[in-house]
Amino acid sequence: MYIRRATALDFPTLASFSVPAFINDELYQYTNPFATKYPEAFRGHFLRRLKQRNAKPGFIVWVAVNDADQGPAAKEISTQDGNSRAGAEEILGYAVWCRYGGTEAAKVWQGQSWSEWLEHSLIDVERQYVSFFGLDRSASPAAYRSLETMGFSSNKFSPLPERWHLHNLCVNPKFQRGGVGARLISWGLQQAADEKVPVTLSTSTVAEPLYRRMGFGTWVRRDLPGIRIGAPSLIHWPPGVQVIENKEEK
């Protein structure tokens, strides 16, 4: 198993296994309650978001890959049922990272070509069109508006201008519990350590134990009122970096 940057050709595959990976996620069950009835619409949600973020400055999508050409050790990886799979390259999971900040180290990741700007603009228009006309049949527009009203999408990490943020982590259900998620997270932890900045993320209570095992601590913990969904925001401080307290939670 190794990781590489995702290409546009990967996104249909990533969107396809995002459906079974997130179909029972507590937050998506609230925002996309019709995903089971309209799985293709749910898949379209992930496909649009992946394309949009990949073209946005500061964002980078990494994929974990099982490559048959890497030799016998790389040809096999344990699946959830305990069996092994071998064969041609197969994508095991992906992570969407973003570098926030204004330092020179941050700007390295924030360049955008004219073609990338155009692509991002067109994808954003498509996203707004789908949202405005309610074309995503898996989604509940009222639920998304409710989250916006509760400030779910607000920047909980505003006191930390320089940081790496993990926006999404998804492992193909066939390869869960095989170290794929940890491998994708480790890239960001190492990059943050090299740049001496923290790593942040917001997660569900189901996925929280994985991040705890990798050294993340609580930045802020808030329950979303009325819908019984925990929304922990976590942070990882690299060795040697001064820890900043979240005074807003005092």
C-alpha atoms as a PDB file:
ATOM      1  CA  MET A   1       0.000   0.000   0.000  1.00  0.00           C
ATOM      2  CA  TYR A   2       1.210   3.490  -0.827  1.00  0.00           C
ATOM      3  CA  ILE A   3      -0.381   6.905  -1.281  1.00  0.00           C
ATOM      4  CA  ARG A   4      -0.408   9.270  -4.240  1.00  0.00           C
ATOM      5  CA  ARG A   5      -2.272  12.388  -5.307  1.00  0.00           C
ATOM      6  CA  ALA A   6      -5.687  11.721  -6.762  1.00  0.00           C
ATOM      7  CA  THR A   7      -6.425  12.444 -10.405  1.00  0.00           C
ATOM      8  CA  ALA A   8      -9.717  13.346 -12.056  1.00  0.00           C
ATOM      9  CA  LEU A   9      -9.977   9.746 -13.276  1.00  0.00           C
ATOM     10  CA  ASP A  10     -10.094   8.547  -9.653  1.00  0.00           C
ATOM     11  CA  PHE A  11     -13.082  10.602  -8.573  1.00  0.00           C
ATOM     12  CA  PRO A  12     -15.865   8.340  -9.953  1.00  0.00           C
ATOM     13  CA  THR A  13     -14.381   5.421  -8.018  1.00  0.00           C
ATOM     14  CA  LEU A  14     -13.991   7.483  -4.847  1.00  0.00           C
ATOM     15  CA  ALA A  15     -17.582   8.696  -5.093  1.00  0.00           C
ATOM     16  CA  SER A  16     -18.847   5.145  -5.632  1.00  0.00           C
ATOM     17  CA  PHE A  17     -17.361   3.651  -2.470  1.00  0.00           C
ATOM     18  CA  SER A  18     -18.210   6.802  -0.482  1.00  0.00           C
ATOM     19  CA  VAL A  19     -21.868   5.720  -0.708  1.00  0.00           C
ATOM     20  CA  PRO A  20     -21.559   2.472   1.316  1.00  0.00           C
ATOM     21  CA  ALA A  21     -18.899   4.070   3.536  1.00  0.00           C
ATOM     22  CA  PHE A  22     -21.192   6.913   4.654  1.00  0.00           C
ATOM     23  CA  ILE A  23     -24.690   5.526   4.140  1.00  0.00           C
ATOM     24  CA  ASN A  24     -25.033   4.866   7.901  1.00  0.00           C
ATOM     25  CA  ASP A  25     -23.066   7.886   9.115  1.00  0.00           C
ATOM     26  CA  GLU A  26     -25.045   9.764  11.751  1.00  0.00           C
ATOM     27  CA  LEU A  27     -24.577  13.164  10.140  1.00  0.00           C
ATOM     28  CA  TYR A  28     -25.408  12.018   6.613  1.00  0.00           C
ATOM     29  CA  GLN A  29     -28.475  10.202   7.883  1.00  0.00           C
ATOM     30  CA  TYR A  30     -29.644  13.640   8.995  1.00  0.00           C
ATOM     31  CA  THR A  31     -28.585  15.682   5.955  1.00  0.00           C
ATOM     32  CA  ASN A  32     -29.196  13.007   3.297  1.00  0.00           C
ATOM     33  CA  PRO A  33     -32.031  10.888   4.710  1.00  0.00           C
ATOM     34  CA  PHE A  34     -33.033   9.586   1.260  1.00  0.00           C
ATOM     35  CA  ALA A  35     -29.585   8.237   0.364  1.00  0.00           C
ATOM     36  CA  THR A  36     -30.746   4.625   0.540  1.00  0.00           C
ATOM     37  CA  LYS A  37     -33.621   5.344  -1.840  1.00  0.00           C
ATOM     38  CA  TYR A  38     -31.492   7.450  -4.213  1.00  0.00           C
ATOM     39  CA  PRO A  39     -27.918   6.101  -3.994  1.00  0.00           C
ATOM     40  CA  GLU A  40     -26.911   7.606  -7.359  1.00  0.00           C
ATOM     41  CA  ALA A  41     -27.918  11.054  -6.140  1.00  0.00           C
ATOM     42  CA  PHE A  42     -25.901  10.457  -2.966  1.00  0.00           C
ATOM     43  CA  ARG A  43     -22.950   9.416  -5.129  1.00  0.00           C
ATOM     44  CA  GLY A  44     -23.339  12.637  -7.124  1.00  0.00           C
ATOM     45  CA  HIS A  45     -23.000  14.625  -3.905  1.00  0.00           C
ATOM     46  CA  PHE A  46     -19.564  13.141  -3.269  1.00  0.00           C
ATOM     47  CA  LEU A  47     -18.473  13.449  -6.888  1.00  0.00           C
ATOM     48  CA  ARG A  48     -19.277  17.170  -7.020  1.00  0.00           C
ATOM     49  CA  ARG A  49     -17.594  17.849  -3.707  1.00  0.00           C
ATOM     50  CA  LEU A  50     -14.430  15.974  -4.638  1.00  0.00           C
ATOM     51  CA  LYS A  51     -14.121  17.825  -7.935  1.00  0.00           C
ATOM     52  CA  GLN A  52     -14.758  21.188  -6.295  1.00  0.00           C
ATOM     53  CA  ARG A  53     -12.254  20.741  -3.493  1.00  0.00           C
ATOM     54  CA  ASN A  54      -9.590  19.291  -5.746  1.00  0.00           C
ATOM     55  CA  ALA A  55      -9.648  22.480  -7.845  1.00  0.00           C
ATOM     56  CA  LYS A  56      -9.714  24.841  -4.846  1.00  0.00           C
ATOM     57  CA  PRO A  57      -6.491  26.533  -3.650  1.00  0.00           C
ATOM     58  CA  GLY A  58      -4.913  24.852  -0.660  1.00  0.00           C
ATOM     59  CA  PHE A  59      -6.769  21.561  -1.070  1.00  0.00           C
ATOM     60  CA  ILE A  60      -5.141  18.256  -1.918  1.00  0.00           C
ATOM     61  CA  VAL A  61      -6.736  14.830  -2.308  1.00  0.00           C
ATOM     62  CA  TRP A  62      -4.604  11.776  -1.502  1.00  0.00           C
ATOM     63  CA  VAL A  63      -5.547   8.195  -2.291  1.00  0.00           C
ATOM     64  CA  ALA A  64      -4.225   4.994  -0.742  1.00  0.00           C
ATOM     65  CA  VAL A  65      -3.557   2.399  -3.406  1.00  0.00           C
ATOM     66  CA  ASN A  66      -2.886  -1.325  -3.517  1.00  0.00           C
ATOM     67  CA  ASP A  67      -0.565  -1.795  -6.484  1.00  0.00           C
ATOM     68  CA  ALA A  68       0.114  -5.207  -8.000  1.00  0.00           C
ATOM     69  CA  ASP A  69       3.330  -3.923  -9.559  1.00  0.00           C
ATOM     70  CA  GLN A  70       4.878  -3.147  -6.167  1.00  0.00           C
ATOM     71  CA  GLY A  71       5.669  -6.794  -5.459  1.00  0.00           C
ATOM     72  CA  PRO A  72       4.064  -9.614  -3.454  1.00  0.00           C
ATOM     73  CA  ALA A  73       3.895  -7.672  -0.197  1.00  0.00           C
ATOM     74  CA  ALA A  74       1.977  -4.848  -1.821  1.00  0.00           C
ATOM     75  CA  LYS A  75      -0.310  -7.107  -3.837  1.00  0.00           C
ATOM     76  CA  GLU A  76      -2.273  -8.244  -0.807  1.00  0.00           C
ATOM     77  CA  ILE A  77      -4.077  -6.365   1.922  1.00  0.00           C
ATOM     78  CA  SER A  78      -6.436  -7.765   4.535  1.00  0.00           C
ATOM     79  CA  THR A  79     -10.114  -7.064   4.026  1.00  0.00           C
ATOM     80  CA  GLN A  80     -12.724  -6.701   6.731  1.00  0.00           C
ATOM     81  CA  ASP A  81     -13.754 -10.370   6.414  1.00  0.00           C
ATOM     82  CA  GLY A  82     -10.172 -11.532   7.020  1.00  0.00           C
ATOM     83  CA  ASN A  83      -9.466 -12.553   3.443  1.00  0.00           C
ATOM     84  CA  SER A  84      -6.807 -11.073   1.192  1.00  0.00           C
ATOM     85  CA  ARG A  85      -7.180  -9.484  -2.192  1.00  0.00           C
ATOM     86  CA  ALA A  86      -4.624  -9.372  -4.961  1.00  0.00           C
ATOM     87  CA  GLY A  87      -4.552  -7.982  -8.466  1.00  0.00           C
ATOM     88  CA  ALA A  88      -4.213  -4.727 -10.334  1.00  0.00           C
ATOM     89  CA  GLU A  89      -4.171  -1.300  -8.705  1.00  0.00           C
ATOM     90  CA  GLU A  90      -7.170  -0.704  -6.483  1.00  0.00           C
ATOM     91  CA  ILE A  91      -7.984   2.428  -4.509  1.00  0.00           C
ATOM     92  CA  LEU A  92      -8.406   1.625  -0.834  1.00  0.00           C
ATOM     93  CA  GLY A  93      -9.417   5.034   0.515  1.00  0.00           C
ATOM     94  CA  TYR A  94      -8.897   8.772   0.263  1.00  0.00           C
ATOM     95  CA  ALA A  95      -8.271  11.846   2.372  1.00  0.00           C
ATOM     96  CA  VAL A  96      -9.046  15.482   1.563  1.00  0.00           C
ATOM     97  CA  TRP A  97      -6.543  17.840   3.187  1.00  0.00           C
ATOM     98  CA  CYS A  98      -6.294  21.623   3.134  1.00  0.00           C
ATOM     99  CA  ARG A  99      -3.470  23.947   4.164  1.00  0.00           C
ATOM    100  CA  TYR A 100      -4.740  27.146   5.760  1.00  0.00           C
ATOM    101  CA  GLY A 101      -2.569  30.161   6.494  1.00  0.00           C
ATOM    102  CA  GLY A 102      -0.590  32.978   4.926  1.00  0.00           C
ATOM    103  CA  THR A 103       3.021  31.962   5.469  1.00  0.00           C
ATOM    104  CA  GLU A 104       5.373  30.957   2.692  1.00  0.00           C
ATOM    105  CA  ALA A 105       4.983  27.326   3.746  1.00  0.00           C
ATOM    106  CA  ALA A 106       1.224  27.625   3.279  1.00  0.00           C
ATOM    107  CA  LYS A 107       1.473  29.407  -0.068  1.00  0.00           C
ATOM    108  CA  VAL A 108       3.376  26.451  -1.516  1.00  0.00           C
ATOM    109  CA  TRP A 109       0.078  24.541  -1.417  1.00  0.00           C
ATOM    110  CA  GLN A 110      -2.225  27.416  -2.408  1.00  0.00           C
ATOM    111  CA  GLY A 111      -1.265  28.102  -6.002  1.00  0.00           C
ATOM    112  CA  GLN A 112      -3.990  27.956  -8.626  1.00  0.00           C
ATOM    113  CA  SER A 113      -3.636  27.972 -12.390  1.00  0.00           C
ATOM    114  CA  TRP A 114      -6.129  29.695 -14.683  1.00  0.00           C
ATOM    115  CA  SER A 115      -7.545  26.326 -15.744  1.00  0.00           C
ATOM    116  CA  GLU A 116      -7.977  25.276 -12.108  1.00  0.00           C
ATOM    117  CA  TRP A 117      -9.734  28.573 -11.320  1.00  0.00           C
ATOM    118  CA  LEU A 118     -12.093  28.039 -14.263  1.00  0.00           C
ATOM    119  CA  GLU A 119     -12.762  24.440 -13.281  1.00  0.00           C
ATOM    120  CA  HIS A 120     -13.501  25.420  -9.689  1.00  0.00           C
ATOM    121  CA  SER A 121     -15.830  28.220 -10.810  1.00  0.00           C
ATOM    122  CA  LEU A 122     -17.802  25.919 -13.131  1.00  0.00           C
ATOM    123  CA  ILE A 123     -18.106  23.225 -10.482  1.00  0.00           C
ATOM    124  CA  ASP A 124     -19.274  25.807  -7.945  1.00  0.00           C
ATOM    125  CA  VAL A 125     -21.958  27.008 -10.351  1.00  0.00           C
ATOM    126  CA  GLU A 126     -23.100  23.403 -10.782  1.00  0.00           C
ATOM    127  CA  ARG A 127     -23.198  22.899  -7.013  1.00  0.00           C
ATOM    128  CA  GLN A 128     -25.285  26.041  -6.491  1.00  0.00           C
ATOM    129  CA  TYR A 129     -27.618  25.031  -9.329  1.00  0.00           C
ATOM    130  CA  VAL A 130     -28.190  21.590  -7.787  1.00  0.00           C
ATOM    131  CA  SER A 131     -28.741  23.128  -4.358  1.00  0.00           C
ATOM    132  CA  PHE A 132     -31.074  25.907  -5.528  1.00  0.00           C
ATOM    133  CA  PHE A 133     -33.350  23.602  -7.523  1.00  0.00           C
ATOM    134  CA  GLY A 134     -33.174  20.718  -5.051  1.00  0.00           C
ATOM    135  CA  LEU A 135     -31.823  18.284  -7.622  1.00  0.00           C
ATOM    136  CA  ASP A 136     -30.028  16.104  -5.070  1.00  0.00           C
ATOM    137  CA  ARG A 137     -32.865  13.735  -4.227  1.00  0.00           C
ATOM    138  CA  SER A 138     -30.865  12.120  -1.434  1.00  0.00           C
ATOM    139  CA  ALA A 139     -30.638  15.376   0.513  1.00  0.00           C
ATOM    140  CA  SER A 140     -32.892  17.283   2.868  1.00  0.00           C
ATOM    141  CA  PRO A 141     -32.513  21.015   2.130  1.00  0.00           C
ATOM    142  CA  ALA A 142     -34.184  21.788   5.450  1.00  0.00           C
ATOM    143  CA  ALA A 143     -31.544  19.763   7.299  1.00  0.00           C
ATOM    144  CA  TYR A 144     -28.695  21.587   5.588  1.00  0.00           C
ATOM    145  CA  ARG A 145     -30.304  24.944   6.394  1.00  0.00           C
ATOM    146  CA  SER A 146     -30.716  23.839  10.005  1.00  0.00           C
ATOM    147  CA  LEU A 147     -27.005  23.027  10.285  1.00  0.00           C
ATOM    148  CA  GLU A 148     -26.117  26.413   8.838  1.00  0.00           C
ATOM    149  CA  THR A 149     -28.399  28.110  11.374  1.00  0.00           C
ATOM    150  CA  MET A 150     -26.691  26.218  14.206  1.00  0.00           C
ATOM    151  CA  GLY A 151     -23.279  27.307  12.960  1.00  0.00           C
ATOM    152  CA  PHE A 152     -22.134  23.794  12.094  1.00  0.00           C
ATOM    153  CA  SER A 153     -20.071  25.031   9.127  1.00  0.00           C
ATOM    154  CA  SER A 154     -18.522  27.957  10.971  1.00  0.00           C
ATOM    155  CA  ASN A 155     -14.769  28.039  11.480  1.00  0.00           C
ATOM    156  CA  LYS A 156     -14.212  26.543  14.926  1.00  0.00           C
ATOM    157  CA  PHE A 157     -10.451  26.924  14.529  1.00  0.00           C
ATOM    158  CA  SER A 158     -10.238  30.678  13.893  1.00  0.00           C
ATOM    159  CA  PRO A 159      -7.570  31.214  16.608  1.00  0.00           C
ATOM    160  CA  LEU A 160      -5.289  28.931  14.559  1.00  0.00           C
ATOM    161  CA  PRO A 161      -4.521  30.686  11.252  1.00  0.00           C
ATOM    162  CA  GLU A 162      -1.701  28.279  10.351  1.00  0.00           C
ATOM    163  CA  ARG A 163      -2.765  24.651  10.213  1.00  0.00           C
ATOM    164  CA  TRP A 164      -3.463  21.570   8.155  1.00  0.00           C
ATOM    165  CA  HIS A 165      -7.108  20.485   8.214  1.00  0.00           C
ATOM    166  CA  LEU A 166      -8.485  17.052   7.367  1.00  0.00           C
ATOM    167  CA  HIS A 167     -11.811  17.704   5.654  1.00  0.00           C
ATOM    168  CA  ASN A 168     -12.675  14.150   4.690  1.00  0.00           C
ATOM    169  CA  LEU A 169     -11.391  10.652   5.351  1.00  0.00           C
ATOM    170  CA  CYS A 170     -13.022   7.716   3.611  1.00  0.00           C
ATOM    171  CA  VAL A 171     -11.942   4.080   3.437  1.00  0.00           C
ATOM    172  CA  ASN A 172     -13.485   1.638   0.992  1.00  0.00           C
ATOM    173  CA  PRO A 173     -15.647  -0.618   3.209  1.00  0.00           C
ATOM    174  CA  LYS A 174     -13.905  -3.687   1.743  1.00  0.00           C
ATOM    175  CA  PHE A 175     -10.614  -2.514   3.264  1.00  0.00           C
ATOM    176  CA  GLN A 176     -11.648  -1.041   6.580  1.00  0.00           C
ATOM    177  CA  ARG A 177      -9.673  -2.006   9.702  1.00  0.00           C
ATOM    178  CA  GLY A 178      -6.591  -2.613   7.570  1.00  0.00           C
ATOM    179  CA  GLY A 179      -4.597   0.501   8.433  1.00  0.00           C
ATOM    180  CA  VAL A 180      -5.686   2.511   5.389  1.00  0.00           C
ATOM    181  CA  GLY A 181      -7.167   5.402   7.366  1.00  0.00           C
ATOM    182  CA  ALA A 182      -4.122   5.616   9.622  1.00  0.00           C
ATOM    183  CA  ARG A 183      -1.824   5.734   6.586  1.00  0.00           C
ATOM    184  CA  LEU A 184      -3.757   8.646   5.064  1.00  0.00           C
ATOM    185  CA  ILE A 185      -3.835  10.524   8.366  1.00  0.00           C
ATOM    186  CA  SER A 186      -0.111   9.981   8.884  1.00  0.00           C
ATOM    187  CA  TRP A 187       0.695  11.971   5.753  1.00  0.00           C
ATOM    188  CA  GLY A 188      -0.889  15.082   7.249  1.00  0.00           C
ATOM    189  CA  LEU A 189       0.687  14.547  10.653  1.00  0.00           C
ATOM    190  CA  GLN A 190       4.141  14.305   9.106  1.00  0.00           C
ATOM    191  CA  GLN A 191       3.592  17.330   6.870  1.00  0.00           C
ATOM    192  CA  ALA A 192       2.350  19.362   9.820  1.00  0.00           C
ATOM    193  CA  ALA A 193       5.336  18.302  11.912  1.00  0.00           C
ATOM    194  CA  ASP A 194       7.699  19.390   9.123  1.00  0.00           C
ATOM    195  CA  GLU A 195       5.967  22.793   8.942  1.00  0.00           C
ATOM    196  CA  LYS A 196       5.498  23.027  12.734  1.00  0.00           C
ATOM    197  CA  VAL A 197       1.746  23.650  12.582  1.00  0.00           C
ATOM    198  CA  PRO A 198      -1.176  21.775  14.173  1.00  0.00           C
ATOM    199  CA  VAL A 199      -3.610  19.429  12.454  1.00  0.00           C
ATOM    200  CA  THR A 200      -7.348  19.968  12.928  1.00  0.00           C
ATOM    201  CA  LEU A 201     -10.520  18.130  11.984  1.00  0.00           C
ATOM    202  CA  SER A 202     -14.186  17.745  12.827  1.00  0.00           C
ATOM    203  CA  THR A 203     -15.556  14.238  13.037  1.00  0.00           C
ATOM    204  CA  SER A 204     -18.447  12.064  14.110  1.00  0.00           C
ATOM    205  CA  THR A 205     -18.485  10.220  17.406  1.00  0.00           C
ATOM    206  CA  VAL A 206     -18.205   6.916  15.497  1.00  0.00           C
ATOM    207  CA  ALA A 207     -14.857   7.839  13.898  1.00  0.00           C
ATOM    208  CA  GLU A 208     -13.507   9.703  16.931  1.00  0.00           C
ATOM    209  CA  PRO A 209     -11.661   6.706  18.502  1.00  0.00           C
ATOM    210  CA  LEU A 210      -9.400   6.380  15.441  1.00  0.00           C
ATOM    211  CA  TYR A 211      -8.188   9.960  15.824  1.00  0.00           C
ATOM    212  CA  ARG A 212      -7.760   9.576  19.571  1.00  0.00           C
ATOM    213  CA  ARG A 213      -5.471   6.609  18.993  1.00  0.00           C
ATOM    214  CA  MET A 214      -3.344   8.773  16.699  1.00  0.00           C
ATOM    215  CA  GLY A 215      -2.822  11.453  19.323  1.00  0.00           C
ATOM    216  CA  PHE A 216      -5.630  13.932  18.668  1.00  0.00           C
ATOM    217  CA  GLY A 217      -7.148  15.814  21.577  1.00  0.00           C
ATOM    218  CA  THR A 218     -10.305  17.888  21.998  1.00  0.00           C
ATOM    219  CA  TRP A 219     -10.401  21.443  20.699  1.00  0.00           C
ATOM    220  CA  VAL A 220     -14.120  21.952  21.160  1.00  0.00           C
ATOM    221  CA  ARG A 221     -17.002  19.573  21.711  1.00  0.00           C
ATOM    222  CA  ARG A 222     -20.531  20.570  20.871  1.00  0.00           C
ATOM    223  CA  ASP A 223     -23.697  18.602  20.441  1.00  0.00           C
ATOM    224  CA  LEU A 224     -26.036  19.737  17.724  1.00  0.00           C
ATOM    225  CA  PRO A 225     -29.267  20.698  19.510  1.00  0.00           C
ATOM    226  CA  GLY A 226     -32.382  18.733  18.748  1.00  0.00           C
ATOM    227  CA  ILE A 227     -30.796  16.072  16.532  1.00  0.00           C
ATOM    228  CA  ARG A 228     -28.598  14.120  18.975  1.00  0.00           C
ATOM    229  CA  ILE A 229     -25.467  14.313  16.845  1.00  0.00           C
ATOM    230  CA  GLY A 230     -22.121  14.881  18.484  1.00  0.00           C
ATOM    231  CA  ALA A 231     -19.742  17.190  16.629  1.00  0.00           C
ATOM    232  CA  PRO A 232     -16.299  16.885  18.222  1.00  0.00           C
ATOM    233  CA  SER A 233     -13.566  19.083  16.759  1.00  0.00           C
ATOM    234  CA  LEU A 234     -10.106  17.654  17.399  1.00  0.00           C
ATOM    235  CA  ILE A 235      -6.530  18.894  17.202  1.00  0.00           C
ATOM    236  CA  HIS A 236      -3.069  17.346  17.031  1.00  0.00           C
ATOM    237  CA  TRP A 237      -0.042  19.339  18.181  1.00  0.00           C
ATOM    238  CA  PRO A 238       3.314  18.251  16.705  1.00  0.00           C
ATOM    239  CA  PRO A 239       6.248  17.949  19.135  1.00  0.00           C
ATOM    240  CA  GLY A 240       7.907  21.283  19.777  1.00  0.00           C
ATOM    241  CA  VAL A 241       4.930  23.404  18.727  1.00  0.00           C
ATOM    242  CA  GLN A 242       3.485  25.716  21.375  1.00  0.00           C
ATOM    243  CA  VAL A 243       0.031  24.588  22.419  1.00  0.00           C
ATOM    244  CA  ILE A 244      -2.684  27.248  22.176  1.00  0.00           C
ATOM    245  CA  GLU A 245      -5.724  26.943  24.408  1.00  0.00           C
ATOM    246  CA  ASN A 246      -9.183  27.447  23.004  1.00  0.00           C
ATOM    247  CA  LYS A 247     -10.191  30.401  25.181  1.00  0.00           C
ATOM    248  CA  GLU A 248     -13.630  30.594  23.567  1.00  0.00           C
ATOM    249  CA  GLU A 249     -14.521  27.376  25.388  1.00  0.00           C
ATOM    250  CA  LYS A 250     -13.451  28.615  28.800  1.00  0.00           C
END
